[in-house]
Amino acid sequence: MERKINSIVPIVLIADDVEANRLVLKDIISEMGYQAVLAENGIQALKLAQHIRPQLIILDVAMPEMDGYEACRRLKEDTDTKEIPVIFISALDEPNDIVRGFSLGGEDYIVKPFISEVVKARVGLHLKLYEANHRMTEMNRQLQISIGEQLQKMELERRSVLYALLRVARENACYNEAYMERFSYNCRVLAEAMQLSKNYEHLISDSYIDTIELAAPLCDLGNLAIPTNILQKQGKLTQEEKEIMQTHTTVGARILRDIKGAGTDNRMLQMAVDIANYHHENWDGSGYPEGRKENEIPLSAQIVAVTGIFCALTEHRTYRKSFSREEAFQIMEKDENKKFCPEIFCILKKIMRQLH
């Protein structure tokens, strides 16, 4: 254990029973300008975490006495340490091992032999996220005693952090900013058209339209928790990889709920929660994460789902060319009444030329 701890510089606790691994990771963390504190096993890591309260913990999975999984479980059960992000580092590379790590509350999973640049990228990301969450908590405290312009200023800062997180998620999934702007615009145009329909005019106000334009891009915020090798995989995902990928809905909703609890702009964030959680539900109940069907699915998520499919089909991908509007709708017609509401799809077709 390091004798001197600088309370200003972020602390990264490293637990690995192999000394060579500990020293290599220590050098990487030190090169990044952070403090590295070393532990030889899970038991030692738990004691140090209570004592020094690190900003990030790196846990080897296979350690004697107490493995990394058990150490993580105990960390997440303790109110004093549950918010500290955990990165697993292991030679175990089966999807089941990765899923288990996430199910226990781990934020990331790096497979050995690790690459220095990958470790730096993941450590840097999670330290930024930890700091963002810390700022959110502090912001919540300040909001309780702030009024007027000060309150509005903090709300703007909070939204800036939210969209900063979105940019990270977008980059991990290889979406560019132009695509997200186009997606957001098309959601707005569809909502405006639905407002003119008898079945939706009482549900969609001008404020609702403004809100869905802001909330729609947050649908894939949960990609922050998905390993980039899965997000950026060109081939077909395995069943285990699909299960990991599908967790982005519940993870995104959880992040947004946490942020929602830190401020006052609850209307936009509640819609964002609904969109993130349910935009992969299908009209016939075959989607995920809950298997909701028809109008059990929030309307905002229905709008985002059908718009997202259109935008994806008309977007160029490295493995295929973009489809024309006409081709995209021909493909989507096969899923009418299965993946999305037929009435909303009908409205989308009517405004085909207004879509970007």
Protein backbone atom coordinates (compact mmCIF):
# COMPACT_ATOMS: atom_id res chain seq x y z
CA MET A 1 0.00 0.00 0.00
CA GLU A 2 1.16 3.51 -0.88
CA ARG A 3 2.09 5.52 2.22
CA LYS A 4 1.05 8.90 0.87
CA ILE A 5 -2.38 9.46 -0.62
CA ASN A 6 -3.08 12.69 -2.47
CA SER A 7 -6.76 13.47 -1.90
CA ILE A 8 -6.92 15.62 -5.05
CA VAL A 9 -5.53 13.11 -7.54
CA PRO A 10 -7.94 10.22 -8.37
CA ILE A 11 -7.08 6.91 -6.70
CA VAL A 12 -7.29 3.59 -8.54
CA LEU A 13 -7.25 0.45 -6.37
CA ILE A 14 -5.73 -2.56 -8.16
CA ALA A 15 -6.30 -6.08 -6.81
CA ASP A 16 -4.43 -8.97 -8.44
CA ASP A 17 -2.64 -11.90 -6.84
CA VAL A 18 0.09 -11.84 -9.50
CA GLU A 19 2.73 -9.25 -8.62
CA ALA A 20 3.83 -8.75 -12.24
CA ASN A 21 0.26 -7.84 -13.23
CA ARG A 22 -0.07 -5.43 -10.32
CA LEU A 23 3.12 -3.63 -11.24
CA VAL A 24 2.23 -3.38 -14.93
CA LEU A 25 -1.18 -1.93 -14.08
CA LYS A 26 0.40 0.42 -11.55
CA ASP A 27 2.75 1.77 -14.24
CA ILE A 28 -0.19 2.32 -16.61
CA ILE A 29 -2.22 4.18 -13.97
CA SER A 30 0.80 6.27 -12.96
CA GLU A 31 1.43 7.24 -16.60
CA MET A 32 -2.12 8.57 -16.71
CA GLY A 33 -1.36 10.84 -13.76
CA TYR A 34 -3.47 8.92 -11.22
CA GLN A 35 -2.53 7.22 -7.94
CA ALA A 36 -2.35 3.44 -7.87
CA VAL A 37 -2.90 1.51 -4.63
CA LEU A 38 -2.20 -2.23 -4.73
CA ALA A 39 -3.89 -5.22 -3.11
CA GLU A 40 -2.97 -8.90 -3.36
CA ASN A 41 -6.45 -10.38 -3.02
CA GLY A 42 -10.14 -9.58 -2.62
CA ILE A 43 -10.09 -9.43 1.18
CA GLN A 44 -7.29 -6.88 1.16
CA ALA A 45 -9.09 -4.91 -1.55
CA LEU A 46 -12.25 -4.62 0.58
CA LYS A 47 -10.29 -3.28 3.55
CA LEU A 48 -8.41 -0.76 1.43
CA ALA A 49 -11.60 0.37 -0.32
CA GLN A 50 -13.13 1.24 3.07
CA HIS A 51 -9.99 3.06 4.16
CA ILE A 52 -9.03 5.12 1.11
CA ARG A 53 -12.34 5.32 -0.85
CA PRO A 54 -10.83 5.06 -4.36
CA GLN A 55 -12.52 6.53 -7.41
CA LEU A 56 -12.10 3.26 -9.35
CA ILE A 57 -11.33 -0.39 -8.52
CA ILE A 58 -9.68 -2.88 -10.88
CA LEU A 59 -10.32 -6.48 -9.79
CA ASP A 60 -8.71 -9.62 -11.12
CA VAL A 61 -11.36 -12.35 -11.28
CA ALA A 62 -9.25 -15.37 -10.29
CA MET A 63 -7.71 -14.64 -6.89
CA PRO A 64 -7.18 -16.91 -3.85
CA GLU A 65 -9.20 -16.55 -0.62
CA MET A 66 -11.76 -14.26 -2.29
CA ASP A 67 -12.15 -13.93 -6.05
CA GLY A 68 -13.01 -10.73 -7.88
CA TYR A 69 -16.67 -11.62 -8.33
CA GLU A 70 -17.22 -12.04 -4.59
CA ALA A 71 -15.25 -8.90 -3.82
CA CYS A 72 -17.41 -6.93 -6.26
CA ARG A 73 -20.61 -8.35 -4.77
CA ARG A 74 -19.58 -7.21 -1.30
CA LEU A 75 -18.50 -3.79 -2.54
CA LYS A 76 -21.87 -3.23 -4.19
CA GLU A 77 -23.76 -4.34 -1.05
CA ASP A 78 -21.93 -1.81 1.10
CA THR A 79 -23.50 1.66 1.03
CA ASP A 80 -20.06 3.22 1.50
CA THR A 81 -18.52 1.57 -1.58
CA LYS A 82 -21.41 0.61 -3.87
CA GLU A 83 -20.99 3.69 -6.07
CA ILE A 84 -17.30 3.02 -6.79
CA PRO A 85 -17.01 1.71 -10.37
CA VAL A 86 -15.43 -1.73 -10.77
CA ILE A 87 -13.49 -2.98 -13.80
CA PHE A 88 -12.87 -6.72 -13.99
CA ILE A 89 -9.64 -7.88 -15.60
CA SER A 90 -9.32 -11.57 -16.37
CA ALA A 91 -8.10 -14.30 -18.69
CA LEU A 92 -11.66 -15.68 -18.62
CA ASP A 93 -13.14 -14.49 -21.92
CA GLU A 94 -16.34 -16.52 -22.23
CA PRO A 95 -19.52 -14.41 -22.61
CA ASN A 96 -20.92 -16.10 -19.48
CA ASP A 97 -17.98 -14.76 -17.46
CA ILE A 98 -18.54 -11.25 -18.81
CA VAL A 99 -22.29 -11.37 -18.18
CA ARG A 100 -21.67 -12.55 -14.61
CA GLY A 101 -19.37 -9.58 -14.02
CA PHE A 102 -22.02 -7.11 -15.20
CA SER A 103 -24.77 -8.86 -13.22
CA LEU A 104 -22.76 -8.32 -10.03
CA GLY A 105 -22.54 -4.60 -10.68
CA GLY A 106 -19.24 -4.35 -12.55
CA GLU A 107 -19.00 -1.47 -15.00
CA ASP A 108 -16.50 -3.02 -17.44
CA TYR A 109 -14.56 -6.19 -18.25
CA ILE A 110 -11.09 -6.31 -19.82
CA VAL A 111 -9.72 -9.61 -21.10
CA LYS A 112 -6.08 -10.61 -20.55
CA PRO A 113 -3.58 -10.28 -22.01
CA PHE A 114 -4.59 -6.65 -21.79
CA ILE A 115 -3.37 -3.86 -24.02
CA SER A 116 -2.07 -0.74 -22.31
CA GLU A 117 -4.05 1.62 -24.56
CA VAL A 118 -7.27 -0.29 -23.88
CA VAL A 119 -6.72 -0.13 -20.11
CA LYS A 120 -6.04 3.61 -20.33
CA ALA A 121 -9.16 4.23 -22.41
CA ARG A 122 -11.45 2.26 -20.08
CA VAL A 123 -9.93 3.67 -16.89
CA GLY A 124 -10.17 7.23 -18.24
CA LEU A 125 -13.80 6.72 -19.26
CA HIS A 126 -14.96 5.30 -15.93
CA LEU A 127 -13.13 7.93 -13.91
CA LYS A 128 -14.91 10.58 -15.97
CA LEU A 129 -18.24 8.84 -15.39
CA TYR A 130 -17.53 8.56 -11.66
CA GLU A 131 -16.72 12.25 -11.53
CA ALA A 132 -19.89 13.04 -13.50
CA ASN A 133 -21.99 11.03 -11.03
CA HIS A 134 -20.22 12.75 -8.15
CA ARG A 135 -21.08 16.12 -9.67
CA MET A 136 -24.68 15.00 -10.06
CA THR A 137 -24.91 14.14 -6.37
CA GLU A 138 -23.40 17.48 -5.42
CA MET A 139 -25.72 19.22 -7.84
CA ASN A 140 -28.71 17.63 -6.14
CA ARG A 141 -27.58 19.06 -2.79
CA GLN A 142 -27.10 22.49 -4.31
CA LEU A 143 -30.44 22.43 -6.08
CA GLN A 144 -32.25 22.07 -2.76
CA ILE A 145 -30.95 25.45 -1.60
CA SER A 146 -30.78 27.27 -4.95
CA ILE A 147 -33.49 29.43 -6.54
CA GLY A 148 -34.11 31.37 -9.73
CA GLU A 149 -31.20 31.83 -12.11
CA GLN A 150 -28.88 29.63 -10.07
CA LEU A 151 -31.31 26.72 -10.37
CA GLN A 152 -31.61 27.19 -14.14
CA LYS A 153 -27.85 27.36 -14.53
CA MET A 154 -27.38 24.06 -12.70
CA GLU A 155 -30.10 22.44 -14.80
CA LEU A 156 -28.20 23.43 -17.93
CA GLU A 157 -24.98 22.00 -16.51
CA ARG A 158 -26.75 18.79 -15.64
CA ARG A 159 -28.06 18.43 -19.18
CA SER A 160 -24.60 19.13 -20.55
CA VAL A 161 -23.19 16.23 -18.53
CA LEU A 162 -26.04 14.03 -19.76
CA TYR A 163 -25.29 14.78 -23.40
CA ALA A 164 -21.58 14.40 -22.76
CA LEU A 165 -22.33 10.84 -21.61
CA LEU A 166 -24.44 10.37 -24.72
CA ARG A 167 -21.54 11.43 -26.94
CA VAL A 168 -19.34 8.75 -25.34
CA ALA A 169 -22.04 6.11 -25.88
CA ARG A 170 -22.55 7.27 -29.46
CA GLU A 171 -18.84 7.10 -30.26
CA ASN A 172 -18.58 3.59 -28.76
CA ALA A 173 -21.33 2.45 -31.11
CA CYS A 174 -19.77 4.28 -34.11
CA TYR A 175 -22.73 6.64 -34.59
CA ASN A 176 -21.79 10.09 -35.81
CA GLU A 177 -23.41 13.32 -34.66
CA ALA A 178 -25.15 13.86 -37.99
CA TYR A 179 -26.95 10.54 -37.63
CA MET A 180 -28.20 11.41 -34.14
CA GLU A 181 -29.42 14.84 -35.29
CA ARG A 182 -31.24 13.22 -38.20
CA PHE A 183 -32.79 10.62 -35.90
CA SER A 184 -33.92 13.32 -33.45
CA TYR A 185 -35.38 15.44 -36.27
CA ASN A 186 -37.33 12.52 -37.74
CA CYS A 187 -38.82 11.68 -34.33
CA ARG A 188 -40.05 15.26 -34.10
CA VAL A 189 -41.55 15.22 -37.61
CA LEU A 190 -43.39 11.95 -36.92
CA ALA A 191 -44.74 13.27 -33.60
CA GLU A 192 -45.96 16.44 -35.36
CA ALA A 193 -47.80 14.34 -37.96
CA MET A 194 -49.34 12.15 -35.27
CA GLN A 195 -50.60 15.26 -33.48
CA LEU A 196 -52.91 15.82 -36.49
CA SER A 197 -54.42 12.33 -36.13
CA LYS A 198 -57.66 11.86 -34.17
CA ASN A 199 -56.20 8.94 -32.25
CA TYR A 200 -53.17 10.87 -31.03
CA GLU A 201 -54.13 14.56 -30.89
CA HIS A 202 -55.13 14.26 -27.22
CA LEU A 203 -51.80 12.56 -26.36
CA ILE A 204 -49.33 14.74 -28.24
CA SER A 205 -49.00 18.41 -27.34
CA ASP A 206 -46.51 20.96 -28.65
CA SER A 207 -44.53 20.45 -25.46
CA TYR A 208 -44.53 16.66 -26.04
CA ILE A 209 -43.03 17.21 -29.50
CA ASP A 210 -40.27 19.44 -28.12
CA THR A 211 -39.56 16.90 -25.38
CA ILE A 212 -39.31 13.84 -27.63
CA GLU A 213 -36.87 15.68 -29.89
CA LEU A 214 -34.58 16.12 -26.86
CA ALA A 215 -35.17 12.71 -25.31
CA ALA A 216 -35.01 10.46 -28.39
CA PRO A 217 -31.19 10.51 -28.82
CA LEU A 218 -30.82 9.18 -25.27
CA CYS A 219 -32.33 5.81 -26.27
CA ASP A 220 -28.93 4.11 -26.51
CA LEU A 221 -27.25 5.74 -23.51
CA GLY A 222 -26.85 2.25 -22.04
CA ASN A 223 -24.21 1.50 -24.69
CA LEU A 224 -21.79 2.96 -22.16
CA ALA A 225 -21.89 -0.41 -20.40
CA ILE A 226 -21.50 -2.59 -23.50
CA PRO A 227 -17.97 -3.74 -24.46
CA THR A 228 -16.87 -2.08 -27.70
CA ASN A 229 -15.92 -5.43 -29.23
CA ILE A 230 -19.63 -6.31 -29.15
CA LEU A 231 -20.91 -2.87 -30.17
CA GLN A 232 -18.58 -2.71 -33.15
CA LYS A 233 -18.72 -6.36 -34.20
CA GLN A 234 -19.33 -6.64 -37.94
CA GLY A 235 -20.52 -10.25 -37.96
CA LYS A 236 -23.55 -11.85 -36.36
CA LEU A 237 -23.66 -11.74 -32.56
CA THR A 238 -23.69 -14.98 -30.61
CA GLN A 239 -26.61 -15.66 -28.27
CA GLU A 240 -24.48 -14.68 -25.27
CA GLU A 241 -23.38 -11.47 -26.99
CA LYS A 242 -27.01 -10.65 -27.80
CA GLU A 243 -27.91 -11.02 -24.14
CA ILE A 244 -25.12 -8.62 -23.18
CA MET A 245 -26.19 -6.19 -25.91
CA GLN A 246 -29.80 -6.25 -24.76
CA THR A 247 -28.81 -5.00 -21.31
CA HIS A 248 -28.23 -1.55 -22.80
CA THR A 249 -31.97 -0.86 -22.41
CA THR A 250 -32.16 -1.41 -18.66
CA VAL A 251 -28.71 0.08 -18.03
CA GLY A 252 -29.62 3.24 -19.95
CA ALA A 253 -32.90 3.56 -18.05
CA ARG A 254 -31.09 3.11 -14.73
CA ILE A 255 -28.57 5.85 -15.56
CA LEU A 256 -31.37 8.21 -16.57
CA ARG A 257 -33.37 7.45 -13.42
CA ASP A 258 -30.33 8.30 -11.33
CA ILE A 259 -29.88 11.58 -13.20
CA LYS A 260 -33.63 12.27 -13.02
CA GLY A 261 -33.43 12.08 -9.25
CA ALA A 262 -30.77 14.81 -9.24
CA GLY A 263 -32.76 17.63 -10.77
CA THR A 264 -36.07 19.20 -11.73
CA ASP A 265 -36.48 18.62 -15.47
CA ASN A 266 -38.40 15.41 -14.81
CA ARG A 267 -40.71 15.52 -17.83
CA MET A 268 -37.92 15.18 -20.36
CA LEU A 269 -36.00 12.67 -18.27
CA GLN A 270 -39.05 10.52 -17.54
CA MET A 271 -39.71 10.31 -21.27
CA ALA A 272 -36.02 9.48 -21.80
CA VAL A 273 -36.31 6.67 -19.22
CA ASP A 274 -39.35 5.22 -21.03
CA ILE A 275 -37.60 5.45 -24.39
CA ALA A 276 -34.34 3.89 -23.18
CA ASN A 277 -36.10 1.03 -21.40
CA TYR A 278 -38.75 0.14 -23.99
CA HIS A 279 -37.57 1.15 -27.48
CA HIS A 280 -36.78 -2.49 -28.30
CA GLU A 281 -40.21 -3.79 -27.27
CA ASN A 282 -42.27 -5.07 -30.22
CA TRP A 283 -45.92 -4.46 -31.01
CA ASP A 284 -46.63 -8.22 -30.87
CA GLY A 285 -44.86 -8.69 -27.51
CA SER A 286 -41.73 -10.39 -28.90
CA GLY A 287 -39.29 -7.65 -27.87
CA TYR A 288 -37.26 -6.96 -24.74
CA PRO A 289 -36.62 -6.32 -21.86
CA GLU A 290 -40.16 -7.01 -20.55
CA GLY A 291 -42.07 -8.42 -23.52
CA ARG A 292 -44.61 -5.59 -23.49
CA LYS A 293 -47.04 -5.42 -26.39
CA GLU A 294 -49.23 -2.91 -28.19
CA ASN A 295 -50.11 0.11 -26.06
CA GLU A 296 -48.44 -1.35 -22.98
CA ILE A 297 -45.39 0.18 -24.65
CA PRO A 298 -45.04 3.93 -23.90
CA LEU A 299 -45.99 6.01 -26.94
CA SER A 300 -42.64 7.79 -26.95
CA ALA A 301 -40.83 4.43 -27.21
CA GLN A 302 -43.12 3.40 -30.08
CA ILE A 303 -42.22 6.57 -31.98
CA VAL A 304 -38.51 6.11 -31.40
CA ALA A 305 -38.63 2.41 -32.35
CA VAL A 306 -40.20 2.87 -35.78
CA THR A 307 -38.14 5.99 -36.53
CA GLY A 308 -34.96 4.23 -35.45
CA ILE A 309 -35.53 1.36 -37.87
CA PHE A 310 -36.12 3.79 -40.74
CA CYS A 311 -33.00 5.80 -39.90
CA ALA A 312 -30.86 2.67 -39.57
CA LEU A 313 -32.00 1.29 -42.94
CA THR A 314 -31.34 4.57 -44.75
CA GLU A 315 -27.93 5.00 -43.11
CA HIS A 316 -24.75 3.73 -44.79
CA ARG A 317 -23.01 0.92 -42.94
CA THR A 318 -19.56 -0.55 -43.49
CA TYR A 319 -21.15 -3.90 -44.37
CA ARG A 320 -23.91 -2.58 -46.69
CA LYS A 321 -25.04 0.46 -48.65
CA SER A 322 -27.88 2.65 -47.43
CA PHE A 323 -31.39 1.84 -48.69
CA SER A 324 -33.57 4.44 -50.37
CA ARG A 325 -36.71 5.64 -48.59
CA GLU A 326 -38.82 3.42 -50.82
CA GLU A 327 -36.63 0.36 -50.20
CA ALA A 328 -36.61 1.00 -46.46
CA PHE A 329 -40.41 1.10 -46.29
CA GLN A 330 -40.69 -2.08 -48.36
CA ILE A 331 -38.46 -3.83 -45.82
CA MET A 332 -40.35 -2.34 -42.87
CA GLU A 333 -43.74 -3.44 -44.25
CA LYS A 334 -42.78 -7.03 -43.42
CA ASP A 335 -42.68 -6.07 -39.73
CA GLU A 336 -45.88 -4.02 -39.70
CA ASN A 337 -48.09 -5.18 -36.84
CA LYS A 338 -45.15 -7.23 -35.52
CA LYS A 339 -42.37 -4.84 -34.51
CA PHE A 340 -44.31 -1.60 -34.52
CA CYS A 341 -47.79 -0.14 -34.43
CA PRO A 342 -49.41 -0.29 -37.90
CA GLU A 343 -51.15 3.07 -37.43
CA ILE A 344 -47.93 4.88 -36.54
CA PHE A 345 -46.18 3.17 -39.45
CA CYS A 346 -48.98 4.35 -41.77
CA ILE A 347 -48.44 7.94 -40.63
CA LEU A 348 -44.69 7.56 -41.14
CA LYS A 349 -45.26 6.42 -44.73
CA LYS A 350 -47.49 9.41 -45.42
CA ILE A 351 -44.74 11.84 -44.43
CA MET A 352 -41.96 9.92 -46.22
CA ARG A 353 -40.80 12.98 -48.18
CA GLN A 354 -40.46 15.09 -45.03
CA LEU A 355 -38.03 12.67 -43.44
CA HIS A 356 -34.30 13.24 -43.53
